[in-house]
Amino acid sequence: MALKKQFVKTKPVCKVTFSIDAKEASAVAVVGDFNNWNAQEGTLSKLKNGTFKATYDLVKDAIYEFKYVIDGSYVNDPEADSYQWNDFAGSENSVLVV
């Protein structure tokens, strides 16, 4: 799993690339504050090596909670900036600071 942040100098956004190694998975999405926890808006594309990947433009100077959805199961990113307990989910969410 990996998070890559690329700040854009001319716009108040950060291009964030979400990637996760899930060779056996058939569908992976990233859900979070930035897409209203909607898996359809966070679909990741599967690469030949089994990694799922997508890049999103997120507003800078913000903090987002997120998780991956791998074949229906919610998974945190071990490389997240931190983790935040979420009472609604009853578990910790990954946190991304941009």
C-alpha atoms as a PDB file:
ATOM      1  CA  MET A   1       0.000   0.000   0.000  1.00  0.00           C
ATOM      2  CA  ALA A   2       1.202   3.457  -0.692  1.00  0.00           C
ATOM      3  CA  LEU A   3       0.153   7.056  -0.626  1.00  0.00           C
ATOM      4  CA  LYS A   4       1.875   9.538  -2.902  1.00  0.00           C
ATOM      5  CA  LYS A   5       1.276  13.271  -2.521  1.00  0.00           C
ATOM      6  CA  GLN A   6       2.126  15.756  -5.255  1.00  0.00           C
ATOM      7  CA  PHE A   7       1.362  19.378  -4.423  1.00  0.00           C
ATOM      8  CA  VAL A   8       0.332  21.637  -7.311  1.00  0.00           C
ATOM      9  CA  LYS A   9       1.948  25.087  -7.088  1.00  0.00           C
ATOM     10  CA  THR A  10      -0.629  26.848  -9.256  1.00  0.00           C
ATOM     11  CA  LYS A  11      -3.762  25.431  -7.576  1.00  0.00           C
ATOM     12  CA  PRO A  12      -4.902  24.837  -3.985  1.00  0.00           C
ATOM     13  CA  VAL A  13      -4.931  21.070  -4.542  1.00  0.00           C
ATOM     14  CA  CYS A  14      -2.754  18.053  -3.902  1.00  0.00           C
ATOM     15  CA  LYS A  15      -2.732  15.125  -6.322  1.00  0.00           C
ATOM     16  CA  VAL A  16      -2.947  12.066  -4.093  1.00  0.00           C
ATOM     17  CA  THR A  17      -2.259   8.642  -5.563  1.00  0.00           C
ATOM     18  CA  PHE A  18      -3.757   5.749  -3.639  1.00  0.00           C
ATOM     19  CA  SER A  19      -2.327   2.318  -4.419  1.00  0.00           C
ATOM     20  CA  ILE A  20      -2.730  -1.053  -2.790  1.00  0.00           C
ATOM     21  CA  ASP A  21      -1.390  -4.488  -3.643  1.00  0.00           C
ATOM     22  CA  ALA A  22      -4.391  -6.830  -3.884  1.00  0.00           C
ATOM     23  CA  LYS A  23      -3.535  -9.482  -6.472  1.00  0.00           C
ATOM     24  CA  GLU A  24      -6.412 -11.782  -5.525  1.00  0.00           C
ATOM     25  CA  ALA A  25      -9.053  -9.041  -5.352  1.00  0.00           C
ATOM     26  CA  SER A  26     -11.612  -8.439  -8.056  1.00  0.00           C
ATOM     27  CA  ALA A  27     -12.653  -4.928  -6.968  1.00  0.00           C
ATOM     28  CA  VAL A  28     -10.972  -2.242  -4.862  1.00  0.00           C
ATOM     29  CA  ALA A  29     -12.076   1.282  -4.020  1.00  0.00           C
ATOM     30  CA  VAL A  30     -10.931   4.057  -1.721  1.00  0.00           C
ATOM     31  CA  VAL A  31     -13.642   5.727   0.327  1.00  0.00           C
ATOM     32  CA  GLY A  32     -13.388   8.699   2.635  1.00  0.00           C
ATOM     33  CA  ASP A  33     -14.361  12.215   3.541  1.00  0.00           C
ATOM     34  CA  PHE A  34     -13.296  13.403   0.076  1.00  0.00           C
ATOM     35  CA  ASN A  35     -15.918  11.301  -1.784  1.00  0.00           C
ATOM     36  CA  ASN A  36     -18.696  10.961   0.838  1.00  0.00           C
ATOM     37  CA  TRP A  37     -17.606   7.370   1.537  1.00  0.00           C
ATOM     38  CA  ASN A  38     -18.956   6.356  -1.872  1.00  0.00           C
ATOM     39  CA  ALA A  39     -17.168   3.287  -3.283  1.00  0.00           C
ATOM     40  CA  GLN A  40     -18.463   3.972  -6.804  1.00  0.00           C
ATOM     41  CA  GLU A  41     -16.680   7.339  -6.785  1.00  0.00           C
ATOM     42  CA  GLY A  42     -13.464   5.794  -5.456  1.00  0.00           C
ATOM     43  CA  THR A  43     -12.932   2.853  -7.793  1.00  0.00           C
ATOM     44  CA  LEU A  44      -9.264   1.956  -8.293  1.00  0.00           C
ATOM     45  CA  SER A  45      -7.944   0.504 -11.546  1.00  0.00           C
ATOM     46  CA  LYS A  46      -6.161  -2.849 -11.495  1.00  0.00           C
ATOM     47  CA  LEU A  47      -2.680  -2.914 -13.014  1.00  0.00           C
ATOM     48  CA  LYS A  48      -1.036  -5.995 -14.545  1.00  0.00           C
ATOM     49  CA  ASN A  49       1.100  -6.535 -11.428  1.00  0.00           C
ATOM     50  CA  GLY A  50      -2.001  -6.847  -9.218  1.00  0.00           C
ATOM     51  CA  THR A  51      -1.806  -3.363  -7.738  1.00  0.00           C
ATOM     52  CA  PHE A  52      -4.936  -1.218  -7.702  1.00  0.00           C
ATOM     53  CA  LYS A  53      -4.293   2.482  -8.225  1.00  0.00           C
ATOM     54  CA  ALA A  54      -5.966   5.877  -8.788  1.00  0.00           C
ATOM     55  CA  THR A  55      -5.108   9.564  -8.373  1.00  0.00           C
ATOM     56  CA  TYR A  56      -7.470  12.180  -6.969  1.00  0.00           C
ATOM     57  CA  ASP A  57      -7.208  15.960  -6.630  1.00  0.00           C
ATOM     58  CA  LEU A  58      -7.825  16.837  -2.978  1.00  0.00           C
ATOM     59  CA  VAL A  59      -8.024  20.289  -1.409  1.00  0.00           C
ATOM     60  CA  LYS A  60      -4.776  21.270   0.326  1.00  0.00           C
ATOM     61  CA  ASP A  61      -4.502  22.110   4.016  1.00  0.00           C
ATOM     62  CA  ALA A  62      -7.114  19.516   4.954  1.00  0.00           C
ATOM     63  CA  ILE A  63      -7.337  16.274   6.903  1.00  0.00           C
ATOM     64  CA  TYR A  64      -9.271  13.329   5.473  1.00  0.00           C
ATOM     65  CA  GLU A  65     -10.337  10.008   6.968  1.00  0.00           C
ATOM     66  CA  PHE A  66     -10.369   7.082   4.523  1.00  0.00           C
ATOM     67  CA  LYS A  67     -10.293   3.312   4.054  1.00  0.00           C
ATOM     68  CA  TYR A  68      -9.872   0.881   1.198  1.00  0.00           C
ATOM     69  CA  VAL A  69     -12.745  -1.428   0.294  1.00  0.00           C
ATOM     70  CA  ILE A  70     -11.334  -4.718  -0.997  1.00  0.00           C
ATOM     71  CA  ASP A  71     -14.046  -7.058  -2.270  1.00  0.00           C
ATOM     72  CA  GLY A  72     -16.427  -5.594   0.320  1.00  0.00           C
ATOM     73  CA  SER A  73     -14.021  -5.616   3.297  1.00  0.00           C
ATOM     74  CA  TYR A  74     -12.779  -2.349   4.830  1.00  0.00           C
ATOM     75  CA  VAL A  75      -8.995  -2.105   5.238  1.00  0.00           C
ATOM     76  CA  ASN A  76      -6.784   0.656   6.651  1.00  0.00           C
ATOM     77  CA  ASP A  77      -3.618   1.842   4.938  1.00  0.00           C
ATOM     78  CA  PRO A  78      -0.545   0.972   7.060  1.00  0.00           C
ATOM     79  CA  GLU A  79       1.261   3.960   5.505  1.00  0.00           C
ATOM     80  CA  ALA A  80      -1.439   6.465   6.509  1.00  0.00           C
ATOM     81  CA  ASP A  81      -0.298   9.670   8.214  1.00  0.00           C
ATOM     82  CA  SER A  82      -2.183   8.579  11.346  1.00  0.00           C
ATOM     83  CA  TYR A  83      -5.358   6.827  12.507  1.00  0.00           C
ATOM     84  CA  GLN A  84      -8.552   8.231  14.019  1.00  0.00           C
ATOM     85  CA  TRP A  85     -11.216   6.378  16.002  1.00  0.00           C
ATOM     86  CA  ASN A  86     -14.629   6.683  14.356  1.00  0.00           C
ATOM     87  CA  ASP A  87     -17.683   5.958  16.543  1.00  0.00           C
ATOM     88  CA  PHE A  88     -19.945   5.513  13.500  1.00  0.00           C
ATOM     89  CA  ALA A  89     -17.718   2.769  12.053  1.00  0.00           C
ATOM     90  CA  GLY A  90     -16.758   1.375  15.444  1.00  0.00           C
ATOM     91  CA  SER A  91     -13.129   1.191  14.328  1.00  0.00           C
ATOM     92  CA  GLU A  92     -10.143   3.301  13.384  1.00  0.00           C
ATOM     93  CA  ASN A  93      -9.917   4.988   9.999  1.00  0.00           C
ATOM     94  CA  SER A  94      -6.751   5.873   8.120  1.00  0.00           C
ATOM     95  CA  VAL A  95      -5.967   9.606   8.144  1.00  0.00           C
ATOM     96  CA  LEU A  96      -4.457  11.577   5.267  1.00  0.00           C
ATOM     97  CA  VAL A  97      -3.035  15.065   5.872  1.00  0.00           C
ATOM     98  CA  VAL A  98      -2.538  17.272   2.797  1.00  0.00           C
END
